[in-house]
C-alpha atoms as a PDB file:
ATOM      1  CA  MET A   1       2.166   2.042  18.046  1.00  0.00           C
ATOM      2  CA  LYS A   2       0.924   5.286  16.861  1.00  0.00           C
ATOM      3  CA  ASN A   3      -0.684   3.989  13.679  1.00  0.00           C
ATOM      4  CA  PHE A   4      -2.769   1.485  15.858  1.00  0.00           C
ATOM      5  CA  THR A   5      -3.620   4.182  18.221  1.00  0.00           C
ATOM      6  CA  THR A   6      -5.109   6.197  15.374  1.00  0.00           C
ATOM      7  CA  LEU A   7      -7.004   3.230  14.066  1.00  0.00           C
ATOM      8  CA  THR A   8      -8.441   2.586  17.656  1.00  0.00           C
ATOM      9  CA  MET A   9      -9.679   6.092  17.970  1.00  0.00           C
ATOM     10  CA  LEU A  10     -11.370   6.202  14.618  1.00  0.00           C
ATOM     11  CA  ALA A  11     -12.866   2.826  15.408  1.00  0.00           C
ATOM     12  CA  GLY A  12     -14.468   4.047  18.700  1.00  0.00           C
ATOM     13  CA  LEU A  13     -15.892   7.281  17.204  1.00  0.00           C
ATOM     14  CA  ALA A  14     -17.138   5.543  14.330  1.00  0.00           C
ATOM     15  CA  THR A  15     -18.909   2.747  16.492  1.00  0.00           C
ATOM     16  CA  ALA A  16     -20.384   5.359  18.534  1.00  0.00           C
ATOM     17  CA  GLY A  17     -21.942   7.183  15.476  1.00  0.00           C
ATOM     18  CA  ILE A  18     -23.307   3.827  14.341  1.00  0.00           C
ATOM     19  CA  PHE A  19     -25.267   3.116  17.391  1.00  0.00           C
ATOM     20  CA  ALA A  20     -26.067   6.647  18.246  1.00  0.00           C
ATOM     21  CA  VAL A  21     -28.426   6.762  15.323  1.00  0.00           C
ATOM     22  CA  PRO A  22     -31.636   9.001  15.446  1.00  0.00           C
ATOM     23  CA  ALA A  23     -34.904   7.733  16.483  1.00  0.00           C
ATOM     24  CA  ALA A  24     -36.078   7.569  13.122  1.00  0.00           C
ATOM     25  CA  ALA A  25     -33.917   4.680  12.200  1.00  0.00           C
ATOM     26  CA  GLN A  26     -35.976   2.525  14.471  1.00  0.00           C
ATOM     27  CA  GLU A  27     -39.245   3.302  12.208  1.00  0.00           C
ATOM     28  CA  VAL A  28     -37.717   1.441   9.154  1.00  0.00           C
ATOM     29  CA  THR A  29     -39.949  -1.586   9.178  1.00  0.00           C
ATOM     30  CA  GLU A  30     -39.389  -3.255   5.668  1.00  0.00           C
ATOM     31  CA  ASP A  31     -39.373  -7.077   5.590  1.00  0.00           C
ATOM     32  CA  ARG A  32     -36.118  -6.960   3.523  1.00  0.00           C
ATOM     33  CA  PRO A  33     -34.325  -3.743   4.373  1.00  0.00           C
ATOM     34  CA  PHE A  34     -31.068  -4.626   2.899  1.00  0.00           C
ATOM     35  CA  SER A  35     -32.334  -6.017  -0.586  1.00  0.00           C
ATOM     36  CA  GLY A  36     -31.803  -4.070  -3.831  1.00  0.00           C
ATOM     37  CA  VAL A  37     -29.403  -2.059  -5.480  1.00  0.00           C
ATOM     38  CA  TYR A  38     -27.389   0.804  -3.974  1.00  0.00           C
ATOM     39  CA  ILE A  39     -24.767   3.426  -4.517  1.00  0.00           C
ATOM     40  CA  GLY A  40     -22.570   5.103  -2.138  1.00  0.00           C
ATOM     41  CA  ALA A  41     -19.273   6.362  -0.792  1.00  0.00           C
ATOM     42  CA  ALA A  42     -16.395   5.285   1.610  1.00  0.00           C
ATOM     43  CA  GLY A  43     -13.859   7.271   3.237  1.00  0.00           C
ATOM     44  CA  GLY A  44     -11.269   7.092   5.972  1.00  0.00           C
ATOM     45  CA  TYR A  45      -7.667   6.455   7.118  1.00  0.00           C
ATOM     46  CA  ASP A  46      -5.396   4.006   5.820  1.00  0.00           C
ATOM     47  CA  VAL A  47      -2.297   2.686   7.719  1.00  0.00           C
ATOM     48  CA  GLN A  48       0.788   1.233   5.800  1.00  0.00           C
ATOM     49  CA  PRO A  49       2.958  -0.833   8.441  1.00  0.00           C
ATOM     50  CA  ASN A  50       6.627  -0.500   8.117  1.00  0.00           C
ATOM     51  CA  ASP A  51       7.913  -4.072   6.754  1.00  0.00           C
ATOM     52  CA  VAL A  52      10.529  -4.928   9.384  1.00  0.00           C
ATOM     53  CA  GLY A  53      13.565  -6.125   8.017  1.00  0.00           C
ATOM     54  CA  SER A  54      12.944  -5.034   4.402  1.00  0.00           C
ATOM     55  CA  SER A  55      15.978  -4.160   2.301  1.00  0.00           C
ATOM     56  CA  ILE A  56      17.265  -3.712  -1.214  1.00  0.00           C
ATOM     57  CA  LEU A  57      18.654  -6.782  -3.000  1.00  0.00           C
ATOM     58  CA  PHE A  58      21.579  -6.567  -5.741  1.00  0.00           C
ATOM     59  CA  ASP A  59      22.286  -8.358  -9.007  1.00  0.00           C
ATOM     60  CA  ARG A  60      25.788  -7.688  -9.952  1.00  0.00           C
ATOM     61  CA  ASN A  61      26.362 -10.113 -12.780  1.00  0.00           C
ATOM     62  CA  GLY A  62      23.268  -9.688 -14.605  1.00  0.00           C
ATOM     63  CA  ASP A  63      21.963 -13.356 -14.177  1.00  0.00           C
ATOM     64  CA  GLY A  64      18.498 -12.191 -12.616  1.00  0.00           C
ATOM     65  CA  ASN A  65      19.284 -13.584  -9.329  1.00  0.00           C
ATOM     66  CA  PHE A  66      19.284 -10.795  -6.597  1.00  0.00           C
ATOM     67  CA  ASN A  67      21.596 -12.435  -4.086  1.00  0.00           C
ATOM     68  CA  GLU A  68      24.879 -10.660  -4.491  1.00  0.00           C
ATOM     69  CA  ASN A  69      26.576  -7.923  -2.520  1.00  0.00           C
ATOM     70  CA  VAL A  70      27.959  -4.702  -4.054  1.00  0.00           C
ATOM     71  CA  ASN A  71      31.644  -4.583  -2.932  1.00  0.00           C
ATOM     72  CA  THR A  72      34.411  -2.166  -3.119  1.00  0.00           C
ATOM     73  CA  ILE A  73      37.558  -2.468  -4.892  1.00  0.00           C
ATOM     74  CA  THR A  74      38.981  -3.993  -1.836  1.00  0.00           C
ATOM     75  CA  GLY A  75      36.306  -6.472  -1.418  1.00  0.00           C
ATOM     76  CA  ALA A  76      34.397  -4.679   1.544  1.00  0.00           C
ATOM     77  CA  ASN A  77      30.631  -4.530   1.392  1.00  0.00           C
ATOM     78  CA  ALA A  78      29.654  -1.167  -0.031  1.00  0.00           C
ATOM     79  CA  PHE A  79      26.492  -1.161   1.663  1.00  0.00           C
ATOM     80  CA  SER A  80      27.598  -2.108   5.171  1.00  0.00           C
ATOM     81  CA  PRO A  81      25.946   0.893   6.722  1.00  0.00           C
ATOM     82  CA  GLY A  82      22.789  -0.973   6.333  1.00  0.00           C
ATOM     83  CA  PHE A  83      19.026  -0.569   5.290  1.00  0.00           C
ATOM     84  CA  CYS A  84      16.028   0.832   7.068  1.00  0.00           C
ATOM     85  CA  ASN A  85      12.275   0.904   6.674  1.00  0.00           C
ATOM     86  CA  GLY A  86      10.840   4.128   5.090  1.00  0.00           C
ATOM     87  CA  SER A  87      12.724   6.938   3.185  1.00  0.00           C
ATOM     88  CA  ALA A  88      16.244   7.928   3.995  1.00  0.00           C
ATOM     89  CA  ARG A  89      16.394  11.460   5.685  1.00  0.00           C
ATOM     90  CA  THR A  90      20.018  12.219   4.059  1.00  0.00           C
ATOM     91  CA  GLY A  91      22.732  10.439   2.395  1.00  0.00           C
ATOM     92  CA  ALA A  92      24.195   9.361   6.038  1.00  0.00           C
ATOM     93  CA  ALA A  93      22.837   6.247   7.719  1.00  0.00           C
ATOM     94  CA  ALA A  94      23.280   7.874  11.148  1.00  0.00           C
ATOM     95  CA  TYR A  95      20.182   9.982  10.354  1.00  0.00           C
ATOM     96  CA  GLY A  96      18.088   6.970   9.657  1.00  0.00           C
ATOM     97  CA  CYS A  97      14.670   6.913   7.875  1.00  0.00           C
ATOM     98  CA  ARG A  98      11.404   8.648   7.955  1.00  0.00           C
ATOM     99  CA  ASN A  99       8.360   6.285   8.790  1.00  0.00           C
ATOM    100  CA  ASP A 100       6.090   5.147   5.877  1.00  0.00           C
ATOM    101  CA  ASP A 101       3.474   7.544   5.119  1.00  0.00           C
ATOM    102  CA  ASP A 102      -0.391   6.783   6.422  1.00  0.00           C
ATOM    103  CA  GLY A 103      -3.096   8.745   4.634  1.00  0.00           C
ATOM    104  CA  TRP A 104      -6.822   9.440   3.866  1.00  0.00           C
ATOM    105  CA  ALA A 105      -8.540   7.452   1.440  1.00  0.00           C
ATOM    106  CA  TYR A 106     -11.913   7.949  -0.622  1.00  0.00           C
ATOM    107  CA  TYR A 107     -14.008   5.592  -2.730  1.00  0.00           C
ATOM    108  CA  GLY A 108     -17.117   5.617  -4.749  1.00  0.00           C
ATOM    109  CA  ARG A 109     -19.219   2.295  -4.599  1.00  0.00           C
ATOM    110  CA  ALA A 110     -22.041   0.488  -6.106  1.00  0.00           C
ATOM    111  CA  GLY A 111     -23.635  -2.880  -5.145  1.00  0.00           C
ATOM    112  CA  PHE A 112     -26.388  -5.123  -4.931  1.00  0.00           C
ATOM    113  CA  ASP A 113     -27.743  -7.297  -1.972  1.00  0.00           C
ATOM    114  CA  ALA A 114     -30.385 -10.039  -1.559  1.00  0.00           C
ATOM    115  CA  GLN A 115     -31.986 -10.686   1.711  1.00  0.00           C
ATOM    116  CA  ARG A 116     -33.807 -13.723   2.884  1.00  0.00           C
ATOM    117  CA  GLY A 117     -34.557 -13.756   6.463  1.00  0.00           C
ATOM    118  CA  ASN A 118     -31.847 -12.532   8.417  1.00  0.00           C
ATOM    119  CA  ILE A 119     -29.175 -13.764   5.932  1.00  0.00           C
ATOM    120  CA  VAL A 120     -27.953 -11.049   3.609  1.00  0.00           C
ATOM    121  CA  VAL A 121     -25.586 -11.799   0.392  1.00  0.00           C
ATOM    122  CA  GLY A 122     -24.572  -9.518  -2.238  1.00  0.00           C
ATOM    123  CA  VAL A 123     -21.684  -8.131  -4.392  1.00  0.00           C
ATOM    124  CA  VAL A 124     -20.086  -4.539  -4.056  1.00  0.00           C
ATOM    125  CA  GLY A 125     -17.613  -2.803  -6.478  1.00  0.00           C
ATOM    126  CA  GLU A 126     -15.254   0.187  -5.664  1.00  0.00           C
ATOM    127  CA  PHE A 127     -13.088   2.700  -7.175  1.00  0.00           C
ATOM    128  CA  GLY A 128     -10.960   5.344  -5.417  1.00  0.00           C
ATOM    129  CA  LYS A 129      -7.563   6.353  -3.998  1.00  0.00           C
ATOM    130  CA  THR A 130      -5.281   6.263  -0.905  1.00  0.00           C
ATOM    131  CA  ASP A 131      -2.462   8.323   0.053  1.00  0.00           C
ATOM    132  CA  ILE A 132      -0.218   5.855   1.647  1.00  0.00           C
ATOM    133  CA  THR A 133       3.649   5.580   0.721  1.00  0.00           C
ATOM    134  CA  ASP A 134       5.825   2.446   1.129  1.00  0.00           C
ATOM    135  CA  SER A 135       9.432   2.928   1.137  1.00  0.00           C
ATOM    136  CA  THR A 136      12.585   1.145   1.902  1.00  0.00           C
ATOM    137  CA  SER A 137      16.395   2.508   1.856  1.00  0.00           C
ATOM    138  CA  GLY A 138      19.914   1.576   1.816  1.00  0.00           C
ATOM    139  CA  PHE A 139      22.998   3.475   2.713  1.00  0.00           C
ATOM    140  CA  SER A 140      26.413   3.075   0.924  1.00  0.00           C
ATOM    141  CA  THR A 141      29.807   3.822   2.344  1.00  0.00           C
ATOM    142  CA  THR A 142      30.143   6.601  -0.212  1.00  0.00           C
ATOM    143  CA  PRO A 143      28.090   8.036   1.675  1.00  0.00           C
ATOM    144  CA  ALA A 144      24.779   7.944  -0.216  1.00  0.00           C
ATOM    145  CA  SER A 145      21.334   7.014   0.311  1.00  0.00           C
ATOM    146  CA  TYR A 146      19.104   4.791  -1.945  1.00  0.00           C
ATOM    147  CA  THR A 147      15.291   4.759  -1.445  1.00  0.00           C
ATOM    148  CA  MET A 148      12.736   2.521  -3.477  1.00  0.00           C
ATOM    149  CA  ALA A 149       9.177   3.737  -2.737  1.00  0.00           C
ATOM    150  CA  ARG A 150       5.647   2.756  -4.127  1.00  0.00           C
ATOM    151  CA  LYS A 151       2.391   4.617  -4.119  1.00  0.00           C
ATOM    152  CA  VAL A 152      -1.050   3.817  -5.040  1.00  0.00           C
ATOM    153  CA  ASP A 153      -2.413   5.836  -8.057  1.00  0.00           C
ATOM    154  CA  TRP A 154      -5.906   4.405  -7.888  1.00  0.00           C
ATOM    155  CA  GLU A 155      -7.586   1.067  -6.772  1.00  0.00           C
ATOM    156  CA  ALA A 156     -10.521  -0.741  -7.829  1.00  0.00           C
ATOM    157  CA  SER A 157     -12.266  -3.939  -6.474  1.00  0.00           C
ATOM    158  CA  VAL A 158     -15.055  -6.432  -6.771  1.00  0.00           C
ATOM    159  CA  ARG A 159     -15.980  -8.195  -3.661  1.00  0.00           C
ATOM    160  CA  GLY A 160     -18.485 -10.643  -2.453  1.00  0.00           C
ATOM    161  CA  ARG A 161     -20.440  -9.656   0.804  1.00  0.00           C
ATOM    162  CA  ALA A 162     -22.413 -11.863   3.270  1.00  0.00           C
ATOM    163  CA  GLY A 163     -23.886 -10.779   6.485  1.00  0.00           C
ATOM    164  CA  TYR A 164     -26.560 -11.397   9.267  1.00  0.00           C
ATOM    165  CA  ALA A 165     -29.291  -8.469   9.687  1.00  0.00           C
ATOM    166  CA  VAL A 166     -30.988  -7.726  13.075  1.00  0.00           C
ATOM    167  CA  ASN A 167     -33.751  -5.442  12.372  1.00  0.00           C
ATOM    168  CA  THR A 168     -32.238  -2.557  10.536  1.00  0.00           C
ATOM    169  CA  THR A 169     -28.542  -3.419  11.359  1.00  0.00           C
ATOM    170  CA  LEU A 170     -26.472  -5.609   9.220  1.00  0.00           C
ATOM    171  CA  PHE A 171     -23.287  -7.298  10.458  1.00  0.00           C
ATOM    172  CA  TYR A 172     -21.259  -8.500   7.185  1.00  0.00           C
ATOM    173  CA  GLY A 173     -17.829  -9.762   5.897  1.00  0.00           C
ATOM    174  CA  THR A 174     -16.584  -9.150   2.446  1.00  0.00           C
ATOM    175  CA  PHE A 175     -13.679 -10.639   0.399  1.00  0.00           C
ATOM    176  CA  GLY A 176     -12.757 -10.106  -3.275  1.00  0.00           C
ATOM    177  CA  ALA A 177     -10.189  -9.297  -5.911  1.00  0.00           C
ATOM    178  CA  GLY A 178      -8.470  -5.706  -6.335  1.00  0.00           C
ATOM    179  CA  TYR A 179      -6.867  -4.168  -9.273  1.00  0.00           C
ATOM    180  CA  ALA A 180      -4.662  -1.219  -8.599  1.00  0.00           C
ATOM    181  CA  LYS A 181      -2.094   1.096 -10.449  1.00  0.00           C
ATOM    182  CA  ILE A 182       1.034   1.330  -8.373  1.00  0.00           C
ATOM    183  CA  ASP A 183       3.556   3.749  -9.047  1.00  0.00           C
ATOM    184  CA  ASN A 184       7.178   2.775  -8.137  1.00  0.00           C
ATOM    185  CA  LEU A 185       9.595   5.697  -7.451  1.00  0.00           C
ATOM    186  CA  PHE A 186      13.448   5.942  -6.559  1.00  0.00           C
ATOM    187  CA  PHE A 187      15.310   8.610  -5.050  1.00  0.00           C
ATOM    188  CA  THR A 188      19.118   8.590  -4.400  1.00  0.00           C
ATOM    189  CA  THR A 189      21.734  11.051  -3.265  1.00  0.00           C
ATOM    190  CA  ASN A 190      24.354   9.571  -5.404  1.00  0.00           C
ATOM    191  CA  THR A 191      25.091  12.040  -8.314  1.00  0.00           C
ATOM    192  CA  ALA A 192      27.836  10.008  -9.897  1.00  0.00           C
ATOM    193  CA  ASN A 193      26.195   7.119 -11.517  1.00  0.00           C
ATOM    194  CA  ALA A 194      23.170   7.048 -13.729  1.00  0.00           C
ATOM    195  CA  PHE A 195      20.066   5.481 -12.640  1.00  0.00           C
ATOM    196  CA  ALA A 196      17.127   3.879 -14.626  1.00  0.00           C
ATOM    197  CA  ALA A 197      13.946   3.056 -12.611  1.00  0.00           C
ATOM    198  CA  THR A 198      10.758   1.239 -13.712  1.00  0.00           C
ATOM    199  CA  GLY A 199       7.612   3.427 -13.486  1.00  0.00           C
ATOM    200  CA  SER A 200       3.835   2.464 -12.842  1.00  0.00           C
ATOM    201  CA  LYS A 201       2.358  -1.006 -13.355  1.00  0.00           C
ATOM    202  CA  ASN A 202      -1.205  -2.306 -12.627  1.00  0.00           C
ATOM    203  CA  GLN A 203      -1.414  -5.252 -10.344  1.00  0.00           C
ATOM    204  CA  TRP A 204      -3.917  -7.861  -9.168  1.00  0.00           C
ATOM    205  CA  GLY A 205      -4.373  -8.236  -5.384  1.00  0.00           C
ATOM    206  CA  ILE A 206      -6.830  -9.406  -2.774  1.00  0.00           C
ATOM    207  CA  LEU A 207      -9.084  -7.495  -0.200  1.00  0.00           C
ATOM    208  CA  GLY A 208     -10.907  -8.695   2.727  1.00  0.00           C
ATOM    209  CA  GLY A 209     -12.758  -7.343   5.815  1.00  0.00           C
ATOM    210  CA  GLY A 210     -16.157  -6.422   7.358  1.00  0.00           C
ATOM    211  CA  GLY A 211     -18.339  -3.908   9.015  1.00  0.00           C
ATOM    212  CA  ILE A 212     -21.524  -2.720  10.349  1.00  0.00           C
ATOM    213  CA  GLU A 213     -24.394  -0.826   8.163  1.00  0.00           C
ATOM    214  CA  GLN A 214     -27.131   1.056   9.715  1.00  0.00           C
ATOM    215  CA  LYS A 215     -30.385   1.909   8.099  1.00  0.00           C
ATOM    216  CA  LEU A 216     -31.449   5.439   8.979  1.00  0.00           C
ATOM    217  CA  THR A 217     -34.482   5.666   6.546  1.00  0.00           C
ATOM    218  CA  LYS A 218     -35.912   3.226   3.845  1.00  0.00           C
ATOM    219  CA  ASN A 219     -33.372   4.556   1.373  1.00  0.00           C
ATOM    220  CA  ILE A 220     -30.206   5.770   3.440  1.00  0.00           C
ATOM    221  CA  SER A 221     -27.738   3.846   5.663  1.00  0.00           C
ATOM    222  CA  ILE A 222     -24.394   4.484   7.192  1.00  0.00           C
ATOM    223  CA  GLY A 223     -21.615   2.271   8.366  1.00  0.00           C
ATOM    224  CA  MET A 224     -18.239   1.606   9.644  1.00  0.00           C
ATOM    225  CA  GLU A 225     -15.815  -0.883   7.720  1.00  0.00           C
ATOM    226  CA  TYR A 226     -12.387  -2.483   8.141  1.00  0.00           C
ATOM    227  CA  MET A 227     -10.463  -3.613   5.072  1.00  0.00           C
ATOM    228  CA  PHE A 228      -7.113  -5.228   4.440  1.00  0.00           C
ATOM    229  CA  HIS A 229      -5.451  -5.025   1.165  1.00  0.00           C
ATOM    230  CA  GLN A 230      -2.552  -6.840  -0.461  1.00  0.00           C
ATOM    231  CA  TYR A 231      -1.053  -6.577  -3.846  1.00  0.00           C
ATOM    232  CA  GLN A 232       1.992  -8.494  -5.099  1.00  0.00           C
ATOM    233  CA  ASP A 233       4.485  -5.929  -6.273  1.00  0.00           C
ATOM    234  CA  ASN A 234       7.823  -7.641  -6.852  1.00  0.00           C
ATOM    235  CA  ASP A 235       9.086  -6.556 -10.308  1.00  0.00           C
ATOM    236  CA  ALA A 236      10.083  -2.975  -9.716  1.00  0.00           C
ATOM    237  CA  ARG A 237      13.909  -2.531 -10.885  1.00  0.00           C
ATOM    238  CA  VAL A 238      16.396   0.184 -10.764  1.00  0.00           C
ATOM    239  CA  ARG A 239      19.430  -0.149 -13.092  1.00  0.00           C
ATOM    240  CA  VAL A 240      22.712   1.662 -12.238  1.00  0.00           C
ATOM    241  CA  THR A 241      25.264   2.424 -14.809  1.00  0.00           C
ATOM    242  CA  ALA A 242      27.906   4.935 -15.324  1.00  0.00           C
ATOM    243  CA  GLY A 243      27.071   8.388 -15.382  1.00  0.00           C
ATOM    244  CA  GLN A 244      28.784  11.138 -17.479  1.00  0.00           C
ATOM    245  CA  THR A 245      31.193  11.773 -14.543  1.00  0.00           C
ATOM    246  CA  LEU A 246      32.190   8.197 -14.251  1.00  0.00           C
ATOM    247  CA  ALA A 247      32.260   7.731 -18.013  1.00  0.00           C
ATOM    248  CA  GLY A 248      34.848  10.522 -18.349  1.00  0.00           C
ATOM    249  CA  SER A 249      37.193   9.285 -15.750  1.00  0.00           C
ATOM    250  CA  PRO A 250      38.713   5.814 -16.092  1.00  0.00           C
ATOM    251  CA  VAL A 251      40.039   5.978 -12.508  1.00  0.00           C
ATOM    252  CA  LEU A 252      36.747   6.637 -11.052  1.00  0.00           C
ATOM    253  CA  LEU A 253      35.082   4.052 -13.336  1.00  0.00           C
ATOM    254  CA  ALA A 254      37.459   1.284 -12.403  1.00  0.00           C
ATOM    255  CA  ASN A 255      36.902   1.951  -8.753  1.00  0.00           C
ATOM    256  CA  ASN A 256      33.026   2.274  -8.524  1.00  0.00           C
ATOM    257  CA  PRO A 257      31.225  -0.540  -6.550  1.00  0.00           C
ATOM    258  CA  PHE A 258      28.417  -0.879  -9.251  1.00  0.00           C
ATOM    259  CA  LEU A 259      30.803  -1.146 -12.193  1.00  0.00           C
ATOM    260  CA  ILE A 260      33.867  -3.019 -10.723  1.00  0.00           C
ATOM    261  CA  ALA A 261      35.207  -5.646 -13.395  1.00  0.00           C
ATOM    262  CA  PRO A 262      34.296  -8.188 -14.507  1.00  0.00           C
ATOM    263  CA  ASN A 263      30.692  -6.841 -14.303  1.00  0.00           C
ATOM    264  CA  THR A 264      31.309  -3.368 -15.829  1.00  0.00           C
ATOM    265  CA  SER A 265      27.880  -3.102 -17.330  1.00  0.00           C
ATOM    266  CA  GLY A 266      26.162  -2.079 -14.219  1.00  0.00           C
ATOM    267  CA  THR A 267      24.130  -3.569 -11.364  1.00  0.00           C
ATOM    268  CA  SER A 268      20.118  -3.908 -10.730  1.00  0.00           C
ATOM    269  CA  PHE A 269      18.265  -3.212  -7.442  1.00  0.00           C
ATOM    270  CA  ARG A 270      15.156  -4.564  -6.318  1.00  0.00           C
ATOM    271  CA  ARG A 271      13.226  -4.541  -2.958  1.00  0.00           C
ATOM    272  CA  SER A 272      13.366  -7.694  -0.495  1.00  0.00           C
ATOM    273  CA  ASP A 273       9.635  -7.448   0.336  1.00  0.00           C
ATOM    274  CA  ASP A 274       7.364  -8.700  -2.523  1.00  0.00           C
ATOM    275  CA  TYR A 275       3.833  -7.426  -1.415  1.00  0.00           C
ATOM    276  CA  LEU A 276       2.277  -3.800  -0.700  1.00  0.00           C
ATOM    277  CA  ARG A 277      -0.123  -4.295   2.191  1.00  0.00           C
ATOM    278  CA  TRP A 278      -2.297  -1.760   4.043  1.00  0.00           C
ATOM    279  CA  HIS A 279      -5.185  -1.459   6.588  1.00  0.00           C
ATOM    280  CA  SER A 280      -8.158   0.810   6.094  1.00  0.00           C
ATOM    281  CA  LEU A 281     -10.727   2.093   8.670  1.00  0.00           C
ATOM    282  CA  ARG A 282     -13.642   4.095   6.955  1.00  0.00           C
ATOM    283  CA  GLY A 283     -17.022   5.327   7.218  1.00  0.00           C
ATOM    284  CA  THR A 284     -19.603   4.448   4.560  1.00  0.00           C
ATOM    285  CA  VAL A 285     -22.806   5.940   3.550  1.00  0.00           C
ATOM    286  CA  SER A 286     -25.302   4.393   0.904  1.00  0.00           C
ATOM    287  CA  PHE A 287     -28.392   5.361  -0.968  1.00  0.00           C
ATOM    288  CA  ARG A 288     -30.631   2.240  -1.725  1.00  0.00           C
ATOM    289  CA  PHE A 289     -33.232   2.312  -4.518  1.00  0.00           C
END
């Protein structure tokens, strides 16, 4: 609810700014005010909703299928304390998880539009960064916590744009392809085992949304825009093996849930949610040549 309240407040402020334009904007009288090449910037607030029901999946026998439990030597589920959306506060499940991080975003952009009558079509490219973080955590009976997180290092996109212009105001929709560098992170309070996690990877995705653009002068316009981002990110892995403490103690090694015979080589983790998604509400400013 807090996330949507933030977006609603920002939307209201941005809408007020669009329509409370100075009188000079009404003096822009070109026949095709939205035709031509432009450069600009976009910045605003991004919301990464918690993925309800997300968890961590396990592959105990190394067959590539993440559909097995991690059990103790007595056969009990070692992750019976459960999972939560976000990053674990401590190693104990009772303290729960912090919510995923929302954050500010900023982009540079360039594009080209062609206007015929009231119809405007074009293409826009962007490059920038967002500060969101998407995490999920699991708790073992040790007790210990295990958090898999991902952040966006940078994002680029190329999108089509189509809209309807009313004098010097343009209403438009936009859709296209994105390409982002996603950093995969892992944190745990388990100090006995050794953990090897995958790092960064570039991923393809899609973006879609819409907005309003208002000409202020012949060359300058401002706007408000909503965007939805989605990237498939389902190949991050964590490999758990014996650390030095376990390797030096046959008793501890034989009783470790991640290494119990006959699969003594270790256990692999992956997230249950395959997609990184977030919402953006940002203001825009453009200079048309």
